[in-house]
Amino acid sequence: MASSLNTITVNGVTYDYDEYKASQTATTDTNSNYISKDTFLKLLVTQMQYQDPLSPMDNGEYLSQLAQFSALEQMTEVASGLSDVYSLVENMDTSILVGQLTGMIGQQVQWTATNSDGTTSTYEGVAKSVSISDGTPSLMVETEVTDSDGNTVKAMTKVDISTLTRIGTDTTSDDSSAS
């Protein structure tokens, strides 16, 4: 519980108890060495409010703290800029990939899939459209499947592009028998 004066002294510096407590909870995020710019400013202002008028803070120390704050602000702006650049590059990559995938529409494609028993099977179909779910593009492929009555019917299958093994028709099959 706070004293009647509602202040706390740490390393020879007196702080308002509520501001000091708030600054301590703000700095105990995921990294205990991190201090936000707001917390830094609060501490600097509190330090200036409670300094001894007969022994004021050294100008060099004050300038050093202002330089640290300026560097912190610049690093924050750089980090924000890098985050924006990352988002832009990620969106460009997705747009380019979607553009390439649209060129596959109407093409015969082949892909592999893992079955429930752990074996893999190869499937073929005709790419009909491009689908984007959760920012991940995939192909919608029309395949022929056998229903429970033994009839062959067309079905749409969502195919992850990482499972594609061939685009276009297989030109290597039995051409040698024609000669």
N, C-alpha and C. Protein backbone atom coordinates (compact mmCIF):
# COMPACT_ATOMS: atom_id res chain seq x y z
N MET A 1 0.85 -1.18 0.00
CA MET A 1 0.00 0.00 0.00
C MET A 1 0.88 1.22 0.00
N ALA A 2 0.50 2.29 -0.70
CA ALA A 2 1.30 3.51 -0.84
C ALA A 2 1.30 4.30 0.46
N SER A 3 2.39 5.07 0.69
CA SER A 3 2.47 5.91 1.88
C SER A 3 1.54 7.11 1.71
N SER A 4 1.41 7.90 2.79
CA SER A 4 0.52 9.06 2.73
C SER A 4 1.03 10.10 1.75
N LEU A 5 2.31 10.11 1.46
CA LEU A 5 2.86 11.06 0.49
C LEU A 5 2.64 10.57 -0.94
N ASN A 6 2.34 9.29 -1.13
CA ASN A 6 2.04 8.70 -2.43
C ASN A 6 3.20 8.84 -3.42
N THR A 7 4.41 8.66 -2.91
CA THR A 7 5.60 8.72 -3.77
C THR A 7 6.46 7.50 -3.50
N ILE A 8 7.38 7.23 -4.44
CA ILE A 8 8.31 6.13 -4.29
C ILE A 8 9.66 6.58 -4.83
N THR A 9 10.73 6.21 -4.14
CA THR A 9 12.07 6.58 -4.57
C THR A 9 12.81 5.34 -5.04
N VAL A 10 13.30 5.38 -6.27
CA VAL A 10 14.05 4.28 -6.85
C VAL A 10 15.36 4.83 -7.38
N ASN A 11 16.47 4.25 -6.92
CA ASN A 11 17.81 4.69 -7.34
C ASN A 11 18.00 6.20 -7.18
N GLY A 12 17.49 6.74 -6.08
CA GLY A 12 17.67 8.16 -5.79
C GLY A 12 16.70 9.08 -6.50
N VAL A 13 15.79 8.54 -7.29
CA VAL A 13 14.81 9.36 -8.00
C VAL A 13 13.44 9.10 -7.41
N THR A 14 12.70 10.16 -7.09
CA THR A 14 11.38 10.04 -6.50
C THR A 14 10.33 10.12 -7.59
N TYR A 15 9.40 9.15 -7.56
CA TYR A 15 8.33 9.07 -8.55
C TYR A 15 6.99 9.12 -7.84
N ASP A 16 5.96 9.56 -8.56
CA ASP A 16 4.59 9.43 -8.10
C ASP A 16 4.28 7.94 -8.09
N TYR A 17 3.72 7.42 -7.02
CA TYR A 17 3.52 5.99 -6.86
C TYR A 17 2.67 5.39 -7.99
N ASP A 18 1.53 6.04 -8.32
CA ASP A 18 0.65 5.50 -9.36
C ASP A 18 1.32 5.48 -10.72
N GLU A 19 2.07 6.55 -11.04
CA GLU A 19 2.77 6.59 -12.33
C GLU A 19 3.87 5.54 -12.38
N TYR A 20 4.59 5.38 -11.29
CA TYR A 20 5.66 4.38 -11.25
C TYR A 20 5.08 2.97 -11.40
N LYS A 21 3.98 2.69 -10.68
CA LYS A 21 3.36 1.37 -10.76
C LYS A 21 2.86 1.10 -12.18
N ALA A 22 2.24 2.11 -12.82
CA ALA A 22 1.76 1.96 -14.19
C ALA A 22 2.93 1.73 -15.14
N SER A 23 4.04 2.42 -14.91
CA SER A 23 5.20 2.23 -15.79
C SER A 23 5.80 0.84 -15.62
N GLN A 24 5.74 0.29 -14.43
CA GLN A 24 6.28 -1.04 -14.20
C GLN A 24 5.42 -2.12 -14.85
N THR A 25 4.09 -1.97 -14.81
CA THR A 25 3.23 -2.96 -15.47
C THR A 25 3.30 -2.81 -16.98
N ALA A 26 3.56 -1.60 -17.47
CA ALA A 26 3.67 -1.39 -18.93
C ALA A 26 4.95 -2.00 -19.47
N THR A 27 5.98 -2.08 -18.65
CA THR A 27 7.26 -2.61 -19.14
C THR A 27 7.38 -4.11 -18.97
N THR A 28 6.42 -4.75 -18.31
CA THR A 28 6.52 -6.21 -18.12
C THR A 28 5.69 -6.96 -19.15
N ASP A 29 5.71 -6.50 -20.39
CA ASP A 29 5.02 -7.20 -21.46
C ASP A 29 5.74 -8.51 -21.72
N THR A 30 6.01 -8.84 -22.96
CA THR A 30 6.68 -10.09 -23.28
C THR A 30 8.18 -10.01 -23.08
N ASN A 31 8.74 -8.81 -23.12
CA ASN A 31 10.18 -8.64 -22.98
C ASN A 31 10.41 -7.65 -21.85
N SER A 32 11.00 -8.07 -20.74
CA SER A 32 11.17 -7.19 -19.60
C SER A 32 12.20 -6.10 -19.85
N ASN A 33 12.99 -6.18 -20.91
CA ASN A 33 13.97 -5.14 -21.23
C ASN A 33 13.36 -4.05 -22.11
N TYR A 34 12.13 -4.21 -22.55
CA TYR A 34 11.48 -3.26 -23.44
C TYR A 34 10.81 -2.17 -22.63
N ILE A 35 10.96 -0.93 -23.07
CA ILE A 35 10.27 0.19 -22.46
C ILE A 35 9.63 0.98 -23.59
N SER A 36 8.36 1.26 -23.48
CA SER A 36 7.66 1.98 -24.54
C SER A 36 8.02 3.45 -24.49
N LYS A 37 7.75 4.15 -25.58
CA LYS A 37 8.06 5.58 -25.61
C LYS A 37 7.18 6.34 -24.63
N ASP A 38 5.93 5.89 -24.44
CA ASP A 38 5.04 6.56 -23.48
C ASP A 38 5.58 6.41 -22.05
N THR A 39 6.03 5.21 -21.72
CA THR A 39 6.60 4.98 -20.40
C THR A 39 7.86 5.81 -20.21
N PHE A 40 8.69 5.87 -21.25
CA PHE A 40 9.93 6.66 -21.18
C PHE A 40 9.61 8.13 -20.92
N LEU A 41 8.63 8.67 -21.65
CA LEU A 41 8.26 10.07 -21.45
C LEU A 41 7.70 10.31 -20.05
N LYS A 42 6.86 9.39 -19.55
CA LYS A 42 6.31 9.53 -18.20
C LYS A 42 7.43 9.56 -17.16
N LEU A 43 8.39 8.66 -17.32
CA LEU A 43 9.50 8.63 -16.37
C LEU A 43 10.34 9.90 -16.44
N LEU A 44 10.57 10.40 -17.66
CA LEU A 44 11.37 11.62 -17.82
C LEU A 44 10.65 12.81 -17.20
N VAL A 45 9.36 12.94 -17.45
CA VAL A 45 8.59 14.05 -16.89
C VAL A 45 8.54 13.94 -15.37
N THR A 46 8.31 12.74 -14.85
CA THR A 46 8.29 12.55 -13.40
C THR A 46 9.64 12.88 -12.79
N GLN A 47 10.71 12.48 -13.46
CA GLN A 47 12.06 12.77 -12.96
C GLN A 47 12.28 14.28 -12.92
N MET A 48 11.80 14.98 -13.94
CA MET A 48 11.99 16.44 -13.97
C MET A 48 11.11 17.12 -12.92
N GLN A 49 9.90 16.59 -12.66
CA GLN A 49 9.01 17.18 -11.66
C GLN A 49 9.60 17.10 -10.25
N TYR A 50 10.24 15.98 -9.97
CA TYR A 50 10.70 15.74 -8.60
C TYR A 50 12.19 15.97 -8.40
N GLN A 51 12.83 16.64 -9.33
CA GLN A 51 14.26 16.87 -9.14
C GLN A 51 14.47 17.94 -8.07
N ASP A 52 15.59 17.87 -7.43
CA ASP A 52 15.95 18.81 -6.37
C ASP A 52 16.32 20.15 -7.00
N PRO A 53 15.62 21.24 -6.68
CA PRO A 53 15.93 22.54 -7.29
C PRO A 53 17.33 23.04 -6.93
N LEU A 54 17.86 22.59 -5.79
CA LEU A 54 19.20 23.01 -5.40
C LEU A 54 20.28 22.20 -6.11
N SER A 55 19.90 21.05 -6.66
CA SER A 55 20.84 20.21 -7.39
C SER A 55 20.13 19.67 -8.64
N PRO A 56 19.92 20.53 -9.64
CA PRO A 56 19.16 20.10 -10.82
C PRO A 56 19.92 19.05 -11.63
N MET A 57 19.16 18.41 -12.51
CA MET A 57 19.74 17.37 -13.36
C MET A 57 20.79 17.99 -14.27
N ASP A 58 21.86 17.25 -14.48
CA ASP A 58 22.94 17.68 -15.36
C ASP A 58 22.41 17.82 -16.79
N ASN A 59 22.78 18.90 -17.48
CA ASN A 59 22.32 19.11 -18.86
C ASN A 59 22.74 17.97 -19.78
N GLY A 60 23.93 17.44 -19.56
CA GLY A 60 24.41 16.34 -20.39
C GLY A 60 23.53 15.11 -20.24
N GLU A 61 23.12 14.84 -19.00
CA GLU A 61 22.25 13.69 -18.75
C GLU A 61 20.88 13.91 -19.39
N TYR A 62 20.36 15.14 -19.29
CA TYR A 62 19.07 15.46 -19.89
C TYR A 62 19.15 15.30 -21.42
N LEU A 63 20.20 15.81 -22.04
CA LEU A 63 20.36 15.68 -23.49
C LEU A 63 20.53 14.22 -23.89
N SER A 64 21.22 13.47 -23.05
CA SER A 64 21.38 12.04 -23.34
C SER A 64 20.04 11.33 -23.35
N GLN A 65 19.18 11.64 -22.39
CA GLN A 65 17.87 11.03 -22.33
C GLN A 65 17.00 11.45 -23.52
N LEU A 66 17.10 12.72 -23.92
CA LEU A 66 16.34 13.17 -25.09
C LEU A 66 16.84 12.47 -26.36
N ALA A 67 18.15 12.25 -26.46
CA ALA A 67 18.70 11.54 -27.61
C ALA A 67 18.21 10.09 -27.63
N GLN A 68 18.12 9.47 -26.45
CA GLN A 68 17.60 8.11 -26.37
C GLN A 68 16.15 8.07 -26.82
N PHE A 69 15.38 9.06 -26.41
CA PHE A 69 13.98 9.10 -26.82
C PHE A 69 13.86 9.29 -28.34
N SER A 70 14.68 10.17 -28.88
CA SER A 70 14.67 10.40 -30.32
C SER A 70 15.03 9.12 -31.08
N ALA A 71 16.03 8.40 -30.59
CA ALA A 71 16.42 7.15 -31.24
C ALA A 71 15.30 6.12 -31.14
N LEU A 72 14.62 6.07 -30.00
CA LEU A 72 13.49 5.15 -29.82
C LEU A 72 12.38 5.48 -30.81
N GLU A 73 12.07 6.76 -30.96
CA GLU A 73 11.02 7.17 -31.90
C GLU A 73 11.39 6.80 -33.33
N GLN A 74 12.65 7.01 -33.71
CA GLN A 74 13.09 6.66 -35.07
C GLN A 74 13.02 5.15 -35.29
N MET A 75 13.42 4.36 -34.30
CA MET A 75 13.35 2.90 -34.44
C MET A 75 11.90 2.44 -34.57
N THR A 76 10.99 3.08 -33.84
CA THR A 76 9.58 2.74 -33.93
C THR A 76 9.05 3.02 -35.33
N GLU A 77 9.44 4.16 -35.90
CA GLU A 77 9.01 4.51 -37.26
C GLU A 77 9.59 3.54 -38.28
N VAL A 78 10.84 3.14 -38.11
CA VAL A 78 11.46 2.18 -39.03
C VAL A 78 10.74 0.83 -38.94
N ALA A 79 10.45 0.38 -37.74
CA ALA A 79 9.75 -0.89 -37.57
C ALA A 79 8.37 -0.84 -38.21
N SER A 80 7.67 0.27 -38.05
CA SER A 80 6.35 0.42 -38.66
C SER A 80 6.47 0.42 -40.18
N GLY A 81 7.48 1.10 -40.72
CA GLY A 81 7.71 1.13 -42.16
C GLY A 81 8.03 -0.25 -42.70
N LEU A 82 8.84 -1.02 -41.99
CA LEU A 82 9.19 -2.37 -42.43
C LEU A 82 7.96 -3.28 -42.42
N SER A 83 7.10 -3.10 -41.45
CA SER A 83 5.86 -3.88 -41.41
C SER A 83 5.00 -3.57 -42.62
N ASP A 84 4.91 -2.29 -43.00
CA ASP A 84 4.13 -1.91 -44.18
C ASP A 84 4.75 -2.49 -45.44
N VAL A 85 6.07 -2.47 -45.55
CA VAL A 85 6.75 -3.03 -46.72
C VAL A 85 6.50 -4.53 -46.80
N TYR A 86 6.57 -5.22 -45.67
CA TYR A 86 6.32 -6.66 -45.64
C TYR A 86 4.91 -6.97 -46.15
N SER A 87 3.91 -6.22 -45.69
CA SER A 87 2.54 -6.44 -46.13
C SER A 87 2.40 -6.19 -47.63
N LEU A 88 3.07 -5.16 -48.12
CA LEU A 88 3.01 -4.84 -49.55
C LEU A 88 3.63 -5.96 -50.38
N VAL A 89 4.79 -6.46 -49.97
CA VAL A 89 5.45 -7.55 -50.70
C VAL A 89 4.61 -8.82 -50.65
N GLU A 90 4.02 -9.11 -49.51
CA GLU A 90 3.18 -10.30 -49.39
C GLU A 90 1.97 -10.20 -50.32
N ASN A 91 1.35 -9.02 -50.40
CA ASN A 91 0.22 -8.83 -51.30
C ASN A 91 0.64 -8.93 -52.76
N MET A 92 1.82 -8.41 -53.09
CA MET A 92 2.31 -8.51 -54.46
C MET A 92 2.56 -9.97 -54.84
N ASP A 93 3.16 -10.73 -53.93
CA ASP A 93 3.41 -12.15 -54.19
C ASP A 93 2.11 -12.89 -54.46
N THR A 94 1.09 -12.62 -53.66
CA THR A 94 -0.20 -13.28 -53.85
C THR A 94 -0.82 -12.87 -55.18
N SER A 95 -0.72 -11.58 -55.53
CA SER A 95 -1.29 -11.10 -56.79
C SER A 95 -0.60 -11.74 -57.99
N ILE A 96 0.71 -11.84 -57.93
CA ILE A 96 1.46 -12.46 -59.03
C ILE A 96 1.09 -13.93 -59.14
N LEU A 97 1.00 -14.61 -58.02
CA LEU A 97 0.63 -16.03 -58.02
C LEU A 97 -0.77 -16.24 -58.58
N VAL A 98 -1.72 -15.39 -58.20
CA VAL A 98 -3.08 -15.50 -58.73
C VAL A 98 -3.06 -15.28 -60.24
N GLY A 99 -2.27 -14.30 -60.70
CA GLY A 99 -2.15 -14.07 -62.14
C GLY A 99 -1.62 -15.29 -62.87
N GLN A 100 -0.63 -15.94 -62.29
CA GLN A 100 -0.08 -17.15 -62.90
C GLN A 100 -1.10 -18.29 -62.87
N LEU A 101 -1.84 -18.41 -61.79
CA LEU A 101 -2.83 -19.47 -61.67
C LEU A 101 -3.97 -19.29 -62.66
N THR A 102 -4.35 -18.06 -62.95
CA THR A 102 -5.44 -17.86 -63.91
C THR A 102 -5.03 -18.34 -65.30
N GLY A 103 -3.74 -18.37 -65.58
CA GLY A 103 -3.27 -18.92 -66.85
C GLY A 103 -3.47 -20.43 -66.93
N MET A 104 -3.72 -21.07 -65.82
CA MET A 104 -3.94 -22.52 -65.80
C MET A 104 -5.40 -22.91 -66.04
N ILE A 105 -6.31 -21.93 -66.02
CA ILE A 105 -7.72 -22.23 -66.20
C ILE A 105 -7.92 -22.86 -67.59
N GLY A 106 -8.62 -23.98 -67.60
CA GLY A 106 -8.87 -24.72 -68.83
C GLY A 106 -7.81 -25.78 -69.11
N GLN A 107 -6.73 -25.78 -68.36
CA GLN A 107 -5.64 -26.74 -68.53
C GLN A 107 -5.91 -28.01 -67.72
N GLN A 108 -5.40 -29.11 -68.23
CA GLN A 108 -5.41 -30.37 -67.49
C GLN A 108 -4.34 -30.26 -66.41
N VAL A 109 -4.66 -30.60 -65.16
CA VAL A 109 -3.69 -30.57 -64.07
C VAL A 109 -3.68 -31.91 -63.36
N GLN A 110 -2.54 -32.21 -62.75
CA GLN A 110 -2.39 -33.45 -61.99
C GLN A 110 -1.84 -33.07 -60.62
N TRP A 111 -2.31 -33.73 -59.59
CA TRP A 111 -1.83 -33.46 -58.24
C TRP A 111 -1.86 -34.74 -57.43
N THR A 112 -1.15 -34.70 -56.32
CA THR A 112 -1.14 -35.84 -55.40
C THR A 112 -1.83 -35.43 -54.10
N ALA A 113 -2.43 -36.41 -53.46
CA ALA A 113 -3.09 -36.17 -52.17
C ALA A 113 -2.81 -37.35 -51.27
N THR A 114 -2.73 -37.08 -49.98
CA THR A 114 -2.52 -38.14 -49.00
C THR A 114 -3.87 -38.67 -48.54
N ASN A 115 -4.03 -39.96 -48.62
CA ASN A 115 -5.29 -40.61 -48.21
C ASN A 115 -5.34 -40.77 -46.71
N SER A 116 -6.48 -41.14 -46.20
CA SER A 116 -6.65 -41.30 -44.75
C SER A 116 -5.76 -42.40 -44.18
N ASP A 117 -5.38 -43.40 -45.01
CA ASP A 117 -4.51 -44.47 -44.52
C ASP A 117 -3.03 -44.15 -44.65
N GLY A 118 -2.70 -42.92 -45.10
CA GLY A 118 -1.31 -42.48 -45.19
C GLY A 118 -0.68 -42.68 -46.56
N THR A 119 -1.35 -43.38 -47.47
CA THR A 119 -0.83 -43.56 -48.82
C THR A 119 -1.15 -42.32 -49.66
N THR A 120 -0.44 -42.18 -50.76
CA THR A 120 -0.72 -41.05 -51.65
C THR A 120 -1.33 -41.54 -52.94
N SER A 121 -2.19 -40.72 -53.50
CA SER A 121 -2.84 -41.03 -54.77
C SER A 121 -2.65 -39.84 -55.70
N THR A 122 -2.66 -40.13 -57.01
CA THR A 122 -2.54 -39.09 -58.02
C THR A 122 -3.91 -38.89 -58.66
N TYR A 123 -4.28 -37.62 -58.83
CA TYR A 123 -5.57 -37.28 -59.41
C TYR A 123 -5.35 -36.32 -60.58
N GLU A 124 -6.33 -36.28 -61.50
CA GLU A 124 -6.28 -35.37 -62.63
C GLU A 124 -7.63 -34.71 -62.81
N GLY A 125 -7.60 -33.52 -63.41
CA GLY A 125 -8.83 -32.82 -63.71
C GLY A 125 -8.53 -31.57 -64.50
N VAL A 126 -9.54 -30.79 -64.79
CA VAL A 126 -9.39 -29.56 -65.56
C VAL A 126 -9.59 -28.38 -64.61
N ALA A 127 -8.60 -27.46 -64.59
CA ALA A 127 -8.68 -26.27 -63.75
C ALA A 127 -9.81 -25.38 -64.25
N LYS A 128 -10.73 -25.01 -63.36
CA LYS A 128 -11.89 -24.21 -63.74
C LYS A 128 -11.84 -22.79 -63.18
N SER A 129 -11.21 -22.62 -62.01
CA SER A 129 -11.15 -21.29 -61.41
C SER A 129 -10.06 -21.24 -60.36
N VAL A 130 -9.81 -20.01 -59.88
CA VAL A 130 -8.85 -19.79 -58.80
C VAL A 130 -9.63 -19.37 -57.56
N SER A 131 -9.27 -19.93 -56.42
CA SER A 131 -9.95 -19.62 -55.16
C SER A 131 -8.91 -19.08 -54.19
N ILE A 132 -9.29 -18.08 -53.41
CA ILE A 132 -8.39 -17.55 -52.37
C ILE A 132 -9.12 -17.68 -51.04
N SER A 133 -8.57 -18.48 -50.14
CA SER A 133 -9.12 -18.66 -48.80
C SER A 133 -8.05 -18.32 -47.79
N ASP A 134 -8.36 -17.43 -46.88
CA ASP A 134 -7.41 -16.99 -45.84
C ASP A 134 -6.11 -16.50 -46.46
N GLY A 135 -6.19 -15.84 -47.61
CA GLY A 135 -5.02 -15.29 -48.27
C GLY A 135 -4.19 -16.30 -49.03
N THR A 136 -4.63 -17.56 -49.08
CA THR A 136 -3.89 -18.61 -49.77
C THR A 136 -4.63 -19.01 -51.04
N PRO A 137 -4.00 -18.81 -52.22
CA PRO A 137 -4.67 -19.19 -53.46
C PRO A 137 -4.61 -20.69 -53.71
N SER A 138 -5.64 -21.20 -54.36
CA SER A 138 -5.70 -22.61 -54.76
C SER A 138 -6.52 -22.69 -56.04
N LEU A 139 -6.48 -23.86 -56.68
CA LEU A 139 -7.24 -24.08 -57.90
C LEU A 139 -8.51 -24.86 -57.59
N MET A 140 -9.57 -24.52 -58.31
CA MET A 140 -10.79 -25.31 -58.27
C MET A 140 -10.76 -26.16 -59.54
N VAL A 141 -10.73 -27.49 -59.37
CA VAL A 141 -10.53 -28.42 -60.48
C VAL A 141 -11.76 -29.29 -60.63
N GLU A 142 -12.20 -29.43 -61.89
CA GLU A 142 -13.32 -30.31 -62.18
C GLU A 142 -12.77 -31.71 -62.43
N THR A 143 -13.29 -32.67 -61.69
CA THR A 143 -12.85 -34.07 -61.83
C THR A 143 -14.05 -34.95 -62.11
N GLU A 144 -13.75 -36.14 -62.57
CA GLU A 144 -14.81 -37.14 -62.75
C GLU A 144 -14.68 -38.17 -61.64
N VAL A 145 -15.79 -38.38 -60.95
CA VAL A 145 -15.80 -39.35 -59.85
C VAL A 145 -16.97 -40.31 -60.06
N THR A 146 -16.88 -41.43 -59.43
CA THR A 146 -17.94 -42.42 -59.50
C THR A 146 -18.81 -42.29 -58.25
N ASP A 147 -20.11 -42.12 -58.46
CA ASP A 147 -21.01 -41.99 -57.31
C ASP A 147 -21.37 -43.36 -56.76
N SER A 148 -22.21 -43.40 -55.77
CA SER A 148 -22.56 -44.65 -55.10
C SER A 148 -23.34 -45.61 -56.00
N ASP A 149 -23.95 -45.09 -57.07
CA ASP A 149 -24.69 -45.94 -58.02
C ASP A 149 -23.80 -46.45 -59.16
N GLY A 150 -22.52 -46.07 -59.14
CA GLY A 150 -21.61 -46.49 -60.20
C GLY A 150 -21.60 -45.57 -61.40
N ASN A 151 -22.28 -44.44 -61.33
CA ASN A 151 -22.31 -43.48 -62.43
C ASN A 151 -21.12 -42.52 -62.32
N THR A 152 -20.59 -42.12 -63.45
CA THR A 152 -19.51 -41.13 -63.48
C THR A 152 -20.14 -39.74 -63.50
N VAL A 153 -19.76 -38.91 -62.51
CA VAL A 153 -20.29 -37.55 -62.40
C VAL A 153 -19.13 -36.57 -62.24
N LYS A 154 -19.39 -35.32 -62.58
CA LYS A 154 -18.37 -34.28 -62.44
C LYS A 154 -18.48 -33.66 -61.05
N ALA A 155 -17.32 -33.40 -60.47
CA ALA A 155 -17.27 -32.78 -59.14
C ALA A 155 -16.16 -31.74 -59.12
N MET A 156 -16.30 -30.74 -58.26
CA MET A 156 -15.28 -29.71 -58.10
C MET A 156 -14.43 -30.04 -56.88
N THR A 157 -13.12 -29.94 -57.05
CA THR A 157 -12.18 -30.23 -55.98
C THR A 157 -11.27 -29.03 -55.79
N LYS A 158 -11.07 -28.65 -54.55
CA LYS A 158 -10.14 -27.56 -54.23
C LYS A 158 -8.75 -28.18 -54.11
N VAL A 159 -7.81 -27.68 -54.93
CA VAL A 159 -6.46 -28.26 -54.98
C VAL A 159 -5.45 -27.23 -54.51
N ASP A 160 -4.69 -27.58 -53.49
CA ASP A 160 -3.61 -26.74 -53.00
C ASP A 160 -2.51 -26.75 -54.06
N ILE A 161 -1.99 -25.58 -54.40
CA ILE A 161 -1.02 -25.50 -55.49
C ILE A 161 0.29 -26.22 -55.17
N SER A 162 0.57 -26.41 -53.90
CA SER A 162 1.81 -27.11 -53.54
C SER A 162 1.75 -28.59 -53.89
N THR A 163 0.54 -29.12 -54.15
CA THR A 163 0.40 -30.54 -54.47
C THR A 163 0.39 -30.81 -55.97
N LEU A 164 0.44 -29.75 -56.80
CA LEU A 164 0.43 -29.93 -58.26
C LEU A 164 1.70 -30.64 -58.72
N THR A 165 1.53 -31.63 -59.60
CA THR A 165 2.68 -32.36 -60.14
C THR A 165 2.82 -32.16 -61.65
N ARG A 166 1.72 -31.73 -62.30
CA ARG A 166 1.80 -31.50 -63.74
C ARG A 166 0.70 -30.54 -64.15
N ILE A 167 1.03 -29.71 -65.15
CA ILE A 167 0.05 -28.80 -65.75
C ILE A 167 0.08 -29.08 -67.25
N GLY A 168 -1.06 -29.35 -67.84
CA GLY A 168 -1.13 -29.71 -69.24
C GLY A 168 -1.25 -31.22 -69.38
N THR A 169 -1.36 -31.70 -70.62
CA THR A 169 -1.50 -33.14 -70.85
C THR A 169 -0.14 -33.80 -70.85
N ASP A 170 -0.11 -35.07 -70.52
CA ASP A 170 1.12 -35.85 -70.47
C ASP A 170 1.50 -36.24 -71.89
N THR A 171 2.60 -35.69 -72.40
CA THR A 171 3.03 -35.96 -73.78
C THR A 171 4.06 -37.10 -73.85
N THR A 172 4.42 -37.68 -72.73
CA THR A 172 5.45 -38.73 -72.73
C THR A 172 4.86 -40.12 -72.80
N SER A 173 3.54 -40.27 -72.83
CA SER A 173 2.94 -41.61 -72.77
C SER A 173 2.83 -42.25 -74.15
N ASP A 174 3.49 -43.39 -74.31
CA ASP A 174 3.39 -44.31 -75.45
C ASP A 174 3.46 -43.68 -76.84
N ASP A 175 4.26 -42.61 -77.02
CA ASP A 175 4.49 -42.06 -78.36
C ASP A 175 5.43 -42.93 -79.15
N SER A 176 6.23 -43.76 -78.47
CA SER A 176 7.21 -44.60 -79.15
C SER A 176 6.55 -45.76 -79.88
N SER A 177 5.32 -46.15 -79.51
CA SER A 177 4.65 -47.27 -80.16
C SER A 177 4.12 -46.90 -81.55
N ALA A 178 4.04 -45.59 -81.86
CA ALA A 178 3.54 -45.15 -83.15
C ALA A 178 4.60 -45.33 -84.26
N SER A 179 5.88 -45.48 -83.92
CA SER A 179 6.92 -45.56 -84.94
C SER A 179 7.20 -46.92 -85.44
